[in-house]
Amino acid sequence: MNWNDYFKMMVDWKKLPAYKAEPRIDSLIGYFLPQFIADFLSIEVVGIIPELPIRLGTVFKKYKDTKSQDRSYKVDFLIVGANGKNYLIEFKTDSKSRREGQDEYLYEAKEARTQKIIDGIIRIAKVSTYKIKYAHLLSKLREFGLIDSENKYSGINPSFEIIYIQPSKKNEEETVVDFLWISNWLEENRPNSEFETELAKALKLWSTD
């Protein structure tokens, strides 16, 4: 496969008004995420979970005791660190697509802290019709040490930090890994791979979005 042509196509398509780049690119970022976030934060990464469900009734009082309380919104990635913290990762391919309401979800999850979020996931797993998928999610949480053999919160990593991955940094108060930083990381750490070289080129172009 010609990766140069592939990423040229992606760069072109991303310019179109209705093309949704995030669901096409998130697996590429997700694959490298544990590696580059470990370098960015100078931590050891235990594991990664995409599309982490956050139970609505856990973080918002207005959903408590309603039909929607066991529904969820999703955080793009959870990174489990070996440094006593978990990281909620929000991934955007366009800096302008950041929404205030979406940020609120992240802040509320951070304020709730790990135990409540994990307890919320366990509760959803009990009532969800997606038993097999939630069983797999619980097995991942168990593998990374966040729940024990009885599916109870283990007590590790009690707090969250929020990290944004997006084309460029707009707010100095936020922790942002921008596309240019990732591009440079790929060039430095994967200099002999055609795929990573072309991905780095595309990210550099998208860093101005």
N, C-alpha and C. Protein backbone atom coordinates (compact mmCIF):
# COMPACT_ATOMS: atom_id res chain seq x y z
N MET A 1 0.85 -1.20 0.00
CA MET A 1 0.00 0.00 0.00
C MET A 1 0.88 1.25 0.00
N ASN A 2 0.47 2.23 -0.80
CA ASN A 2 1.22 3.48 -0.88
C ASN A 2 0.69 4.45 0.17
N TRP A 3 1.43 4.58 1.28
CA TRP A 3 0.97 5.40 2.39
C TRP A 3 1.00 6.89 2.05
N ASN A 4 1.87 7.28 1.14
CA ASN A 4 1.91 8.67 0.71
C ASN A 4 0.59 9.06 0.05
N ASP A 5 0.10 8.19 -0.84
CA ASP A 5 -1.17 8.45 -1.51
C ASP A 5 -2.34 8.41 -0.52
N TYR A 6 -2.27 7.47 0.42
CA TYR A 6 -3.35 7.35 1.41
C TYR A 6 -3.50 8.63 2.22
N PHE A 7 -2.38 9.14 2.75
CA PHE A 7 -2.48 10.33 3.59
C PHE A 7 -2.74 11.58 2.77
N LYS A 8 -2.33 11.61 1.50
CA LYS A 8 -2.73 12.71 0.62
C LYS A 8 -4.24 12.74 0.49
N MET A 9 -4.84 11.53 0.34
CA MET A 9 -6.29 11.44 0.26
C MET A 9 -6.93 11.94 1.55
N MET A 10 -6.40 11.53 2.70
CA MET A 10 -6.95 11.95 3.98
C MET A 10 -6.86 13.47 4.17
N VAL A 11 -5.73 14.03 3.79
CA VAL A 11 -5.55 15.48 3.89
C VAL A 11 -6.58 16.20 3.03
N ASP A 12 -6.81 15.67 1.82
CA ASP A 12 -7.78 16.28 0.91
C ASP A 12 -9.20 16.13 1.45
N TRP A 13 -9.57 14.93 1.87
CA TRP A 13 -10.93 14.69 2.34
C TRP A 13 -11.24 15.49 3.61
N LYS A 14 -10.25 15.67 4.46
CA LYS A 14 -10.48 16.39 5.71
C LYS A 14 -10.90 17.85 5.46
N LYS A 15 -10.61 18.36 4.29
CA LYS A 15 -10.98 19.73 3.95
C LYS A 15 -12.46 19.86 3.60
N LEU A 16 -13.13 18.74 3.37
CA LEU A 16 -14.54 18.77 2.97
C LEU A 16 -15.43 19.05 4.18
N PRO A 17 -16.54 19.78 3.99
CA PRO A 17 -17.35 20.23 5.14
C PRO A 17 -18.03 19.11 5.92
N ALA A 18 -18.38 18.01 5.25
CA ALA A 18 -19.14 16.96 5.93
C ALA A 18 -18.29 15.74 6.30
N TYR A 19 -17.02 15.77 5.96
CA TYR A 19 -16.17 14.61 6.23
C TYR A 19 -15.77 14.58 7.70
N LYS A 20 -16.03 13.49 8.37
CA LYS A 20 -15.71 13.33 9.78
C LYS A 20 -14.37 12.62 9.93
N ALA A 21 -13.34 13.41 10.22
CA ALA A 21 -12.00 12.85 10.28
C ALA A 21 -11.72 12.08 11.57
N GLU A 22 -12.33 12.53 12.67
CA GLU A 22 -11.99 11.94 13.97
C GLU A 22 -12.15 10.43 14.03
N PRO A 23 -13.30 9.87 13.59
CA PRO A 23 -13.44 8.41 13.69
C PRO A 23 -12.51 7.65 12.76
N ARG A 24 -11.93 8.34 11.78
CA ARG A 24 -10.96 7.68 10.88
C ARG A 24 -9.54 7.74 11.43
N ILE A 25 -9.28 8.77 12.21
CA ILE A 25 -7.91 9.00 12.68
C ILE A 25 -7.68 8.53 14.11
N ASP A 26 -8.77 8.37 14.88
CA ASP A 26 -8.58 8.11 16.31
C ASP A 26 -7.86 6.80 16.58
N SER A 27 -8.05 5.80 15.73
CA SER A 27 -7.34 4.54 15.95
C SER A 27 -5.84 4.69 15.70
N LEU A 28 -5.46 5.58 14.77
CA LEU A 28 -4.04 5.83 14.53
C LEU A 28 -3.41 6.52 15.73
N ILE A 29 -4.09 7.55 16.23
CA ILE A 29 -3.61 8.24 17.43
C ILE A 29 -3.64 7.29 18.62
N GLY A 30 -4.72 6.51 18.74
CA GLY A 30 -4.85 5.58 19.85
C GLY A 30 -3.76 4.54 19.89
N TYR A 31 -3.32 4.11 18.72
CA TYR A 31 -2.27 3.09 18.67
C TYR A 31 -0.96 3.62 19.28
N PHE A 32 -0.63 4.86 18.95
CA PHE A 32 0.63 5.45 19.44
C PHE A 32 0.47 6.16 20.78
N LEU A 33 -0.78 6.39 21.20
CA LEU A 33 -1.04 7.20 22.39
C LEU A 33 -0.31 6.72 23.65
N PRO A 34 -0.36 5.43 24.01
CA PRO A 34 0.35 5.03 25.23
C PRO A 34 1.86 5.31 25.17
N GLN A 35 2.42 5.25 23.96
CA GLN A 35 3.86 5.46 23.81
C GLN A 35 4.22 6.95 23.92
N PHE A 36 3.49 7.79 23.17
CA PHE A 36 3.90 9.20 23.20
C PHE A 36 3.45 9.93 24.45
N ILE A 37 2.33 9.47 25.06
CA ILE A 37 1.89 10.13 26.29
C ILE A 37 2.84 9.80 27.43
N ALA A 38 3.43 8.60 27.39
CA ALA A 38 4.43 8.23 28.40
C ALA A 38 5.62 9.17 28.32
N ASP A 39 6.04 9.52 27.11
CA ASP A 39 7.16 10.45 26.94
C ASP A 39 6.75 11.88 27.28
N PHE A 40 5.55 12.27 26.87
CA PHE A 40 5.08 13.63 27.11
C PHE A 40 4.96 13.92 28.60
N LEU A 41 4.45 12.96 29.37
CA LEU A 41 4.23 13.16 30.79
C LEU A 41 5.35 12.60 31.67
N SER A 42 6.29 11.89 31.04
CA SER A 42 7.36 11.21 31.79
C SER A 42 6.78 10.25 32.83
N ILE A 43 5.88 9.38 32.36
CA ILE A 43 5.26 8.40 33.22
C ILE A 43 5.34 7.02 32.57
N GLU A 44 5.01 6.00 33.34
CA GLU A 44 4.81 4.66 32.82
C GLU A 44 3.32 4.45 32.62
N VAL A 45 2.93 3.97 31.45
CA VAL A 45 1.52 3.73 31.14
C VAL A 45 1.19 2.27 31.38
N VAL A 46 0.14 2.04 32.16
CA VAL A 46 -0.30 0.67 32.45
C VAL A 46 -1.23 0.16 31.35
N GLY A 47 -2.12 1.03 30.86
CA GLY A 47 -3.05 0.58 29.83
C GLY A 47 -3.88 1.72 29.28
N ILE A 48 -4.65 1.39 28.24
CA ILE A 48 -5.49 2.36 27.55
C ILE A 48 -6.85 1.74 27.27
N ILE A 49 -7.91 2.53 27.42
CA ILE A 49 -9.27 2.10 27.08
C ILE A 49 -9.92 3.20 26.25
N PRO A 50 -10.37 2.88 25.03
CA PRO A 50 -11.07 3.89 24.23
C PRO A 50 -12.54 3.97 24.61
N GLU A 51 -13.15 5.13 24.36
CA GLU A 51 -14.59 5.35 24.55
C GLU A 51 -15.04 4.91 25.94
N LEU A 52 -14.41 5.46 26.96
CA LEU A 52 -14.76 5.12 28.33
C LEU A 52 -16.15 5.67 28.66
N PRO A 53 -17.10 4.80 29.07
CA PRO A 53 -18.44 5.29 29.40
C PRO A 53 -18.48 5.95 30.78
N ILE A 54 -19.08 7.12 30.84
CA ILE A 54 -19.28 7.85 32.10
C ILE A 54 -20.78 7.88 32.38
N ARG A 55 -21.21 7.25 33.45
CA ARG A 55 -22.64 7.15 33.76
C ARG A 55 -23.22 8.53 34.09
N LEU A 56 -24.31 8.87 33.40
CA LEU A 56 -24.91 10.20 33.56
C LEU A 56 -25.36 10.45 35.00
N GLY A 57 -25.99 9.45 35.62
CA GLY A 57 -26.48 9.62 36.98
C GLY A 57 -25.39 9.77 38.01
N THR A 58 -24.16 9.41 37.63
CA THR A 58 -23.02 9.53 38.54
C THR A 58 -22.50 10.96 38.60
N VAL A 59 -22.51 11.65 37.47
CA VAL A 59 -21.86 12.97 37.42
C VAL A 59 -22.83 14.14 37.35
N PHE A 60 -24.11 13.88 37.06
CA PHE A 60 -25.07 14.98 36.97
C PHE A 60 -26.31 14.68 37.82
N LYS A 61 -26.59 15.55 38.76
CA LYS A 61 -27.73 15.37 39.67
C LYS A 61 -29.06 15.31 38.91
N LYS A 62 -29.15 16.04 37.80
CA LYS A 62 -30.42 16.11 37.08
C LYS A 62 -30.84 14.76 36.50
N TYR A 63 -29.87 13.84 36.35
CA TYR A 63 -30.19 12.52 35.81
C TYR A 63 -30.46 11.48 36.90
N LYS A 64 -30.21 11.84 38.15
CA LYS A 64 -30.39 10.88 39.24
C LYS A 64 -31.85 10.47 39.36
N ASP A 65 -32.07 9.17 39.47
CA ASP A 65 -33.42 8.59 39.61
C ASP A 65 -34.32 8.88 38.41
N THR A 66 -33.70 9.06 37.24
CA THR A 66 -34.47 9.21 36.00
C THR A 66 -34.21 8.00 35.11
N LYS A 67 -34.96 7.90 34.03
CA LYS A 67 -34.77 6.79 33.09
C LYS A 67 -33.40 6.85 32.41
N SER A 68 -32.81 8.03 32.41
CA SER A 68 -31.53 8.21 31.72
C SER A 68 -30.32 8.03 32.63
N GLN A 69 -30.53 7.74 33.90
CA GLN A 69 -29.41 7.73 34.84
C GLN A 69 -28.33 6.70 34.50
N ASP A 70 -28.73 5.58 33.90
CA ASP A 70 -27.75 4.54 33.57
C ASP A 70 -27.28 4.60 32.13
N ARG A 71 -27.61 5.69 31.44
CA ARG A 71 -27.01 5.95 30.13
C ARG A 71 -25.64 6.60 30.35
N SER A 72 -24.89 6.76 29.28
CA SER A 72 -23.54 7.28 29.45
C SER A 72 -23.14 8.18 28.30
N TYR A 73 -22.16 9.03 28.57
CA TYR A 73 -21.43 9.71 27.50
C TYR A 73 -20.04 9.11 27.49
N LYS A 74 -19.30 9.36 26.45
CA LYS A 74 -18.03 8.67 26.28
C LYS A 74 -16.87 9.66 26.29
N VAL A 75 -15.81 9.30 27.01
CA VAL A 75 -14.53 10.01 26.95
C VAL A 75 -13.67 9.26 25.95
N ASP A 76 -13.01 9.98 25.07
CA ASP A 76 -12.31 9.34 23.95
C ASP A 76 -11.35 8.24 24.39
N PHE A 77 -10.50 8.54 25.38
CA PHE A 77 -9.56 7.53 25.86
C PHE A 77 -9.36 7.69 27.36
N LEU A 78 -9.17 6.57 28.04
CA LEU A 78 -8.66 6.56 29.40
C LEU A 78 -7.26 6.00 29.37
N ILE A 79 -6.32 6.73 29.95
CA ILE A 79 -4.97 6.24 30.13
C ILE A 79 -4.79 5.95 31.62
N VAL A 80 -4.39 4.73 31.94
CA VAL A 80 -4.11 4.35 33.32
C VAL A 80 -2.61 4.47 33.56
N GLY A 81 -2.22 5.34 34.45
CA GLY A 81 -0.81 5.56 34.73
C GLY A 81 -0.33 4.72 35.90
N ALA A 82 0.98 4.51 35.95
CA ALA A 82 1.59 3.80 37.07
C ALA A 82 2.06 4.79 38.13
N ASN A 83 1.65 6.04 38.00
CA ASN A 83 2.11 7.11 38.89
C ASN A 83 1.02 7.57 39.85
N GLY A 84 -0.06 6.76 40.00
CA GLY A 84 -1.13 7.12 40.92
C GLY A 84 -2.23 7.96 40.31
N LYS A 85 -2.21 8.14 38.98
CA LYS A 85 -3.24 8.95 38.34
C LYS A 85 -3.78 8.25 37.09
N ASN A 86 -5.04 8.59 36.79
CA ASN A 86 -5.63 8.24 35.51
C ASN A 86 -5.77 9.51 34.69
N TYR A 87 -5.82 9.34 33.37
CA TYR A 87 -5.89 10.49 32.48
C TYR A 87 -7.07 10.34 31.51
N LEU A 88 -7.94 11.35 31.51
CA LEU A 88 -9.05 11.41 30.58
C LEU A 88 -8.59 12.18 29.35
N ILE A 89 -8.61 11.52 28.21
CA ILE A 89 -8.07 12.10 26.98
C ILE A 89 -9.21 12.48 26.04
N GLU A 90 -9.25 13.74 25.66
CA GLU A 90 -10.21 14.21 24.65
C GLU A 90 -9.46 14.48 23.36
N PHE A 91 -9.87 13.81 22.28
CA PHE A 91 -9.18 13.91 21.00
C PHE A 91 -10.02 14.70 20.00
N LYS A 92 -9.39 15.71 19.38
CA LYS A 92 -10.06 16.53 18.37
C LYS A 92 -9.15 16.67 17.15
N THR A 93 -9.74 16.55 15.97
CA THR A 93 -8.97 16.78 14.75
C THR A 93 -9.06 18.22 14.28
N ASP A 94 -10.00 18.98 14.86
CA ASP A 94 -10.13 20.40 14.56
C ASP A 94 -10.26 21.15 15.89
N SER A 95 -9.38 22.08 16.14
CA SER A 95 -9.42 22.82 17.41
C SER A 95 -10.75 23.53 17.61
N LYS A 96 -11.39 23.98 16.51
CA LYS A 96 -12.64 24.72 16.61
C LYS A 96 -13.82 23.83 16.98
N SER A 97 -13.62 22.50 16.96
CA SER A 97 -14.73 21.60 17.29
C SER A 97 -14.87 21.36 18.78
N ARG A 98 -14.00 21.97 19.58
CA ARG A 98 -14.14 21.90 21.04
C ARG A 98 -15.44 22.57 21.46
N ARG A 99 -16.22 21.88 22.30
CA ARG A 99 -17.50 22.43 22.75
C ARG A 99 -17.48 22.59 24.28
N GLU A 100 -18.07 23.68 24.74
CA GLU A 100 -18.08 23.97 26.17
C GLU A 100 -18.79 22.87 26.96
N GLY A 101 -19.91 22.38 26.42
CA GLY A 101 -20.64 21.32 27.10
C GLY A 101 -19.84 20.05 27.23
N GLN A 102 -19.07 19.77 26.22
CA GLN A 102 -18.22 18.58 26.24
C GLN A 102 -17.14 18.71 27.30
N ASP A 103 -16.56 19.90 27.40
CA ASP A 103 -15.57 20.14 28.44
C ASP A 103 -16.19 19.97 29.83
N GLU A 104 -17.45 20.37 29.96
CA GLU A 104 -18.13 20.24 31.25
C GLU A 104 -18.21 18.78 31.68
N TYR A 105 -18.51 17.89 30.72
CA TYR A 105 -18.54 16.47 31.02
C TYR A 105 -17.21 15.99 31.59
N LEU A 106 -16.13 16.45 30.98
CA LEU A 106 -14.80 16.04 31.43
C LEU A 106 -14.52 16.54 32.84
N TYR A 107 -14.84 17.80 33.09
CA TYR A 107 -14.59 18.38 34.41
C TYR A 107 -15.42 17.69 35.49
N GLU A 108 -16.68 17.36 35.15
CA GLU A 108 -17.53 16.68 36.13
C GLU A 108 -16.99 15.28 36.43
N ALA A 109 -16.48 14.60 35.42
CA ALA A 109 -15.88 13.27 35.64
C ALA A 109 -14.64 13.39 36.50
N LYS A 110 -13.84 14.42 36.25
CA LYS A 110 -12.64 14.63 37.06
C LYS A 110 -13.01 14.89 38.52
N GLU A 111 -14.04 15.71 38.72
CA GLU A 111 -14.47 16.04 40.09
C GLU A 111 -15.05 14.82 40.80
N ALA A 112 -15.71 13.95 40.05
CA ALA A 112 -16.30 12.75 40.65
C ALA A 112 -15.23 11.80 41.17
N ARG A 113 -14.08 11.79 40.51
CA ARG A 113 -12.94 10.94 40.87
C ARG A 113 -13.18 9.48 40.47
N THR A 114 -12.11 8.72 40.55
CA THR A 114 -12.09 7.39 39.95
C THR A 114 -13.12 6.43 40.53
N GLN A 115 -13.25 6.38 41.85
CA GLN A 115 -14.14 5.39 42.44
C GLN A 115 -15.57 5.53 41.94
N LYS A 116 -16.09 6.76 41.91
CA LYS A 116 -17.46 6.96 41.46
C LYS A 116 -17.62 6.60 39.99
N ILE A 117 -16.62 6.94 39.17
CA ILE A 117 -16.70 6.62 37.74
C ILE A 117 -16.68 5.11 37.54
N ILE A 118 -15.79 4.42 38.26
CA ILE A 118 -15.72 2.96 38.15
C ILE A 118 -17.01 2.32 38.66
N ASP A 119 -17.52 2.79 39.79
CA ASP A 119 -18.78 2.26 40.33
C ASP A 119 -19.92 2.46 39.33
N GLY A 120 -19.90 3.61 38.62
CA GLY A 120 -20.91 3.87 37.61
C GLY A 120 -20.84 2.89 36.45
N ILE A 121 -19.63 2.56 36.02
CA ILE A 121 -19.45 1.59 34.94
C ILE A 121 -19.95 0.22 35.38
N ILE A 122 -19.63 -0.17 36.61
CA ILE A 122 -20.07 -1.46 37.13
C ILE A 122 -21.60 -1.53 37.17
N ARG A 123 -22.23 -0.42 37.55
CA ARG A 123 -23.69 -0.38 37.59
C ARG A 123 -24.28 -0.51 36.18
N ILE A 124 -23.70 0.22 35.22
CA ILE A 124 -24.19 0.10 33.83
C ILE A 124 -24.05 -1.33 33.34
N ALA A 125 -22.93 -1.96 33.66
CA ALA A 125 -22.68 -3.33 33.22
C ALA A 125 -23.75 -4.29 33.71
N LYS A 126 -24.33 -4.02 34.88
CA LYS A 126 -25.36 -4.89 35.44
C LYS A 126 -26.69 -4.77 34.70
N VAL A 127 -26.96 -3.58 34.17
CA VAL A 127 -28.28 -3.36 33.56
C VAL A 127 -28.23 -3.29 32.03
N SER A 128 -27.05 -3.21 31.47
CA SER A 128 -26.91 -3.06 30.02
C SER A 128 -27.30 -4.33 29.28
N THR A 129 -27.82 -4.15 28.08
CA THR A 129 -28.10 -5.30 27.21
C THR A 129 -26.83 -5.77 26.50
N TYR A 130 -25.78 -4.95 26.55
CA TYR A 130 -24.52 -5.30 25.91
C TYR A 130 -23.62 -6.03 26.91
N LYS A 131 -24.09 -7.18 27.38
CA LYS A 131 -23.41 -7.90 28.46
C LYS A 131 -21.99 -8.30 28.08
N ILE A 132 -21.81 -8.80 26.87
CA ILE A 132 -20.50 -9.30 26.45
C ILE A 132 -19.50 -8.16 26.35
N LYS A 133 -19.94 -7.03 25.79
CA LYS A 133 -19.04 -5.89 25.64
C LYS A 133 -18.66 -5.29 26.99
N TYR A 134 -19.64 -5.19 27.88
CA TYR A 134 -19.32 -4.65 29.21
C TYR A 134 -18.48 -5.64 30.03
N ALA A 135 -18.67 -6.93 29.80
CA ALA A 135 -17.82 -7.92 30.46
C ALA A 135 -16.37 -7.74 30.01
N HIS A 136 -16.19 -7.43 28.73
CA HIS A 136 -14.83 -7.20 28.22
C HIS A 136 -14.25 -5.92 28.82
N LEU A 137 -15.08 -4.88 28.94
CA LEU A 137 -14.61 -3.64 29.55
C LEU A 137 -14.19 -3.89 31.00
N LEU A 138 -14.99 -4.63 31.74
CA LEU A 138 -14.63 -4.94 33.13
C LEU A 138 -13.34 -5.76 33.19
N SER A 139 -13.14 -6.64 32.22
CA SER A 139 -11.90 -7.42 32.20
C SER A 139 -10.68 -6.53 31.96
N LYS A 140 -10.87 -5.47 31.15
CA LYS A 140 -9.78 -4.51 30.92
C LYS A 140 -9.49 -3.72 32.20
N LEU A 141 -10.54 -3.29 32.88
CA LEU A 141 -10.36 -2.56 34.15
C LEU A 141 -9.67 -3.45 35.18
N ARG A 142 -9.99 -4.73 35.16
CA ARG A 142 -9.35 -5.69 36.07
C ARG A 142 -7.89 -5.88 35.69
N GLU A 143 -7.63 -6.01 34.40
CA GLU A 143 -6.26 -6.19 33.91
C GLU A 143 -5.37 -5.03 34.30
N PHE A 144 -5.92 -3.82 34.27
CA PHE A 144 -5.14 -2.63 34.59
C PHE A 144 -5.15 -2.29 36.07
N GLY A 145 -5.80 -3.14 36.87
CA GLY A 145 -5.74 -2.99 38.32
C GLY A 145 -6.76 -2.05 38.94
N LEU A 146 -7.73 -1.57 38.15
CA LEU A 146 -8.70 -0.61 38.68
C LEU A 146 -9.85 -1.29 39.42
N ILE A 147 -10.14 -2.54 39.11
CA ILE A 147 -11.12 -3.31 39.89
C ILE A 147 -10.50 -4.63 40.29
N ASP A 148 -11.06 -5.23 41.35
CA ASP A 148 -10.53 -6.49 41.85
C ASP A 148 -11.32 -7.67 41.28
N SER A 149 -11.04 -8.85 41.77
CA SER A 149 -11.68 -10.07 41.25
C SER A 149 -13.18 -10.10 41.53
N GLU A 150 -13.65 -9.28 42.47
CA GLU A 150 -15.08 -9.22 42.79
C GLU A 150 -15.76 -8.03 42.11
N ASN A 151 -15.07 -7.45 41.13
CA ASN A 151 -15.59 -6.30 40.39
C ASN A 151 -15.90 -5.11 41.29
N LYS A 152 -14.98 -4.84 42.19
CA LYS A 152 -15.07 -3.66 43.04
C LYS A 152 -13.84 -2.80 42.82
N TYR A 153 -14.02 -1.49 42.96
CA TYR A 153 -12.90 -0.57 42.77
C TYR A 153 -11.74 -0.93 43.70
N SER A 154 -10.55 -0.99 43.15
CA SER A 154 -9.38 -1.47 43.88
C SER A 154 -8.76 -0.42 44.80
N GLY A 155 -9.04 0.86 44.52
CA GLY A 155 -8.49 1.94 45.33
C GLY A 155 -7.28 2.64 44.72
N ILE A 156 -6.75 2.12 43.60
CA ILE A 156 -5.59 2.76 42.99
C ILE A 156 -6.01 3.94 42.13
N ASN A 157 -5.07 4.82 41.87
CA ASN A 157 -5.28 5.97 40.98
C ASN A 157 -6.60 6.69 41.28
N PRO A 158 -6.73 7.27 42.47
CA PRO A 158 -8.02 7.86 42.86
C PRO A 158 -8.42 9.12 42.09
N SER A 159 -7.48 9.75 41.40
CA SER A 159 -7.80 11.02 40.74
C SER A 159 -7.57 10.96 39.23
N PHE A 160 -8.19 11.93 38.54
CA PHE A 160 -8.05 12.08 37.10
C PHE A 160 -7.34 13.38 36.76
N GLU A 161 -6.65 13.38 35.63
CA GLU A 161 -6.20 14.60 34.98
C GLU A 161 -6.78 14.60 33.57
N ILE A 162 -7.05 15.79 33.04
CA ILE A 162 -7.61 15.92 31.70
C ILE A 162 -6.52 16.35 30.73
N ILE A 163 -6.45 15.67 29.60
CA ILE A 163 -5.48 16.01 28.56
C ILE A 163 -6.21 16.11 27.22
N TYR A 164 -5.92 17.16 26.48
CA TYR A 164 -6.48 17.34 25.15
C TYR A 164 -5.43 17.01 24.10
N ILE A 165 -5.86 16.26 23.09
CA ILE A 165 -5.02 16.04 21.91
C ILE A 165 -5.74 16.72 20.76
N GLN A 166 -5.10 17.75 20.19
CA GLN A 166 -5.75 18.56 19.17
C GLN A 166 -4.69 19.24 18.30
N PRO A 167 -5.12 19.84 17.18
CA PRO A 167 -4.14 20.41 16.26
C PRO A 167 -3.17 21.41 16.89
N SER A 168 -3.68 22.32 17.72
CA SER A 168 -2.80 23.33 18.30
C SER A 168 -3.29 23.70 19.69
N LYS A 169 -2.42 24.33 20.45
CA LYS A 169 -2.75 24.71 21.81
C LYS A 169 -3.29 26.12 21.83
N LYS A 170 -4.48 26.31 22.42
CA LYS A 170 -5.12 27.62 22.47
C LYS A 170 -5.13 28.21 23.87
N ASN A 171 -5.10 27.35 24.88
CA ASN A 171 -5.24 27.78 26.27
C ASN A 171 -4.04 27.29 27.07
N GLU A 172 -3.26 28.19 27.59
CA GLU A 172 -2.05 27.83 28.31
C GLU A 172 -2.34 27.11 29.62
N GLU A 173 -3.57 27.23 30.12
CA GLU A 173 -3.92 26.59 31.38
C GLU A 173 -4.27 25.12 31.20
N GLU A 174 -4.46 24.68 29.97
CA GLU A 174 -4.82 23.29 29.71
C GLU A 174 -3.58 22.47 29.33
N THR A 175 -3.66 21.18 29.61
CA THR A 175 -2.61 20.27 29.17
C THR A 175 -2.98 19.77 27.78
N VAL A 176 -2.23 20.19 26.79
CA VAL A 176 -2.53 19.87 25.39
C VAL A 176 -1.32 19.23 24.74
N VAL A 177 -1.55 18.08 24.10
CA VAL A 177 -0.54 17.50 23.21
C VAL A 177 -0.97 17.87 21.80
N ASP A 178 -0.25 18.77 21.17
CA ASP A 178 -0.68 19.23 19.85
C ASP A 178 -0.09 18.36 18.74
N PHE A 179 -0.68 18.49 17.55
CA PHE A 179 -0.30 17.63 16.43
C PHE A 179 1.16 17.81 16.03
N LEU A 180 1.67 19.03 16.16
CA LEU A 180 3.07 19.26 15.80
C LEU A 180 4.00 18.48 16.73
N TRP A 181 3.64 18.45 18.02
CA TRP A 181 4.46 17.68 18.98
C TRP A 181 4.44 16.20 18.62
N ILE A 182 3.26 15.67 18.29
CA ILE A 182 3.16 14.25 17.92
C ILE A 182 3.93 13.98 16.63
N SER A 183 3.82 14.89 15.67
CA SER A 183 4.55 14.75 14.41
C SER A 183 6.05 14.67 14.66
N ASN A 184 6.56 15.57 15.48
CA ASN A 184 7.99 15.55 15.80
C ASN A 184 8.38 14.28 16.55
N TRP A 185 7.49 13.81 17.41
CA TRP A 185 7.75 12.57 18.16
C TRP A 185 7.86 11.39 17.21
N LEU A 186 6.97 11.32 16.23
CA LEU A 186 7.01 10.24 15.24
C LEU A 186 8.29 10.30 14.42
N GLU A 187 8.66 11.49 13.99
CA GLU A 187 9.88 11.63 13.19
C GLU A 187 11.12 11.21 13.97
N GLU A 188 11.11 11.50 15.26
CA GLU A 188 12.27 11.17 16.09
C GLU A 188 12.31 9.68 16.46
N ASN A 189 11.13 9.11 16.72
CA ASN A 189 11.08 7.74 17.23
C ASN A 189 10.79 6.68 16.17
N ARG A 190 10.25 7.08 15.02
CA ARG A 190 9.95 6.13 13.94
C ARG A 190 10.49 6.66 12.61
N PRO A 191 11.79 6.95 12.54
CA PRO A 191 12.33 7.62 11.35
C PRO A 191 12.41 6.73 10.11
N ASN A 192 12.35 5.41 10.29
CA ASN A 192 12.56 4.51 9.16
C ASN A 192 11.29 3.83 8.68
N SER A 193 10.15 4.29 9.14
CA SER A 193 8.88 3.69 8.75
C SER A 193 8.12 4.62 7.80
N GLU A 194 7.73 4.10 6.65
CA GLU A 194 6.99 4.91 5.68
C GLU A 194 5.65 5.36 6.25
N PHE A 195 4.95 4.44 6.92
CA PHE A 195 3.64 4.78 7.46
C PHE A 195 3.73 5.93 8.45
N GLU A 196 4.64 5.79 9.44
CA GLU A 196 4.77 6.83 10.45
C GLU A 196 5.28 8.14 9.87
N THR A 197 6.14 8.06 8.86
CA THR A 197 6.65 9.27 8.20
C THR A 197 5.52 10.04 7.53
N GLU A 198 4.64 9.32 6.84
CA GLU A 198 3.54 9.98 6.15
C GLU A 198 2.49 10.49 7.14
N LEU A 199 2.26 9.73 8.22
CA LEU A 199 1.35 10.21 9.27
C LEU A 199 1.90 11.49 9.90
N ALA A 200 3.19 11.53 10.14
CA ALA A 200 3.82 12.73 10.72
C ALA A 200 3.63 13.94 9.80
N LYS A 201 3.76 13.73 8.50
CA LYS A 201 3.57 14.82 7.52
C LYS A 201 2.13 15.34 7.59
N ALA A 202 1.17 14.40 7.64
CA ALA A 202 -0.25 14.79 7.68
C ALA A 202 -0.56 15.56 8.96
N LEU A 203 -0.04 15.08 10.09
CA LEU A 203 -0.29 15.77 11.36
C LEU A 203 0.30 17.18 11.35
N LYS A 204 1.44 17.32 10.70
CA LYS A 204 2.07 18.65 10.62
C LYS A 204 1.17 19.61 9.83
N LEU A 205 0.58 19.12 8.75
CA LEU A 205 -0.33 19.93 7.96
C LEU A 205 -1.59 20.28 8.76
N TRP A 206 -2.11 19.30 9.49
CA TRP A 206 -3.33 19.50 10.27
C TRP A 206 -3.11 20.35 11.51
N SER A 207 -1.86 20.57 11.89
CA SER A 207 -1.58 21.34 13.10
C SER A 207 -2.04 22.81 12.97
N THR A 208 -2.32 23.24 11.76
CA THR A 208 -2.78 24.63 11.54
C THR A 208 -4.30 24.72 11.48
N ASP A 209 -5.00 23.59 11.60
CA ASP A 209 -6.47 23.59 11.52
C ASP A 209 -7.10 24.25 12.74
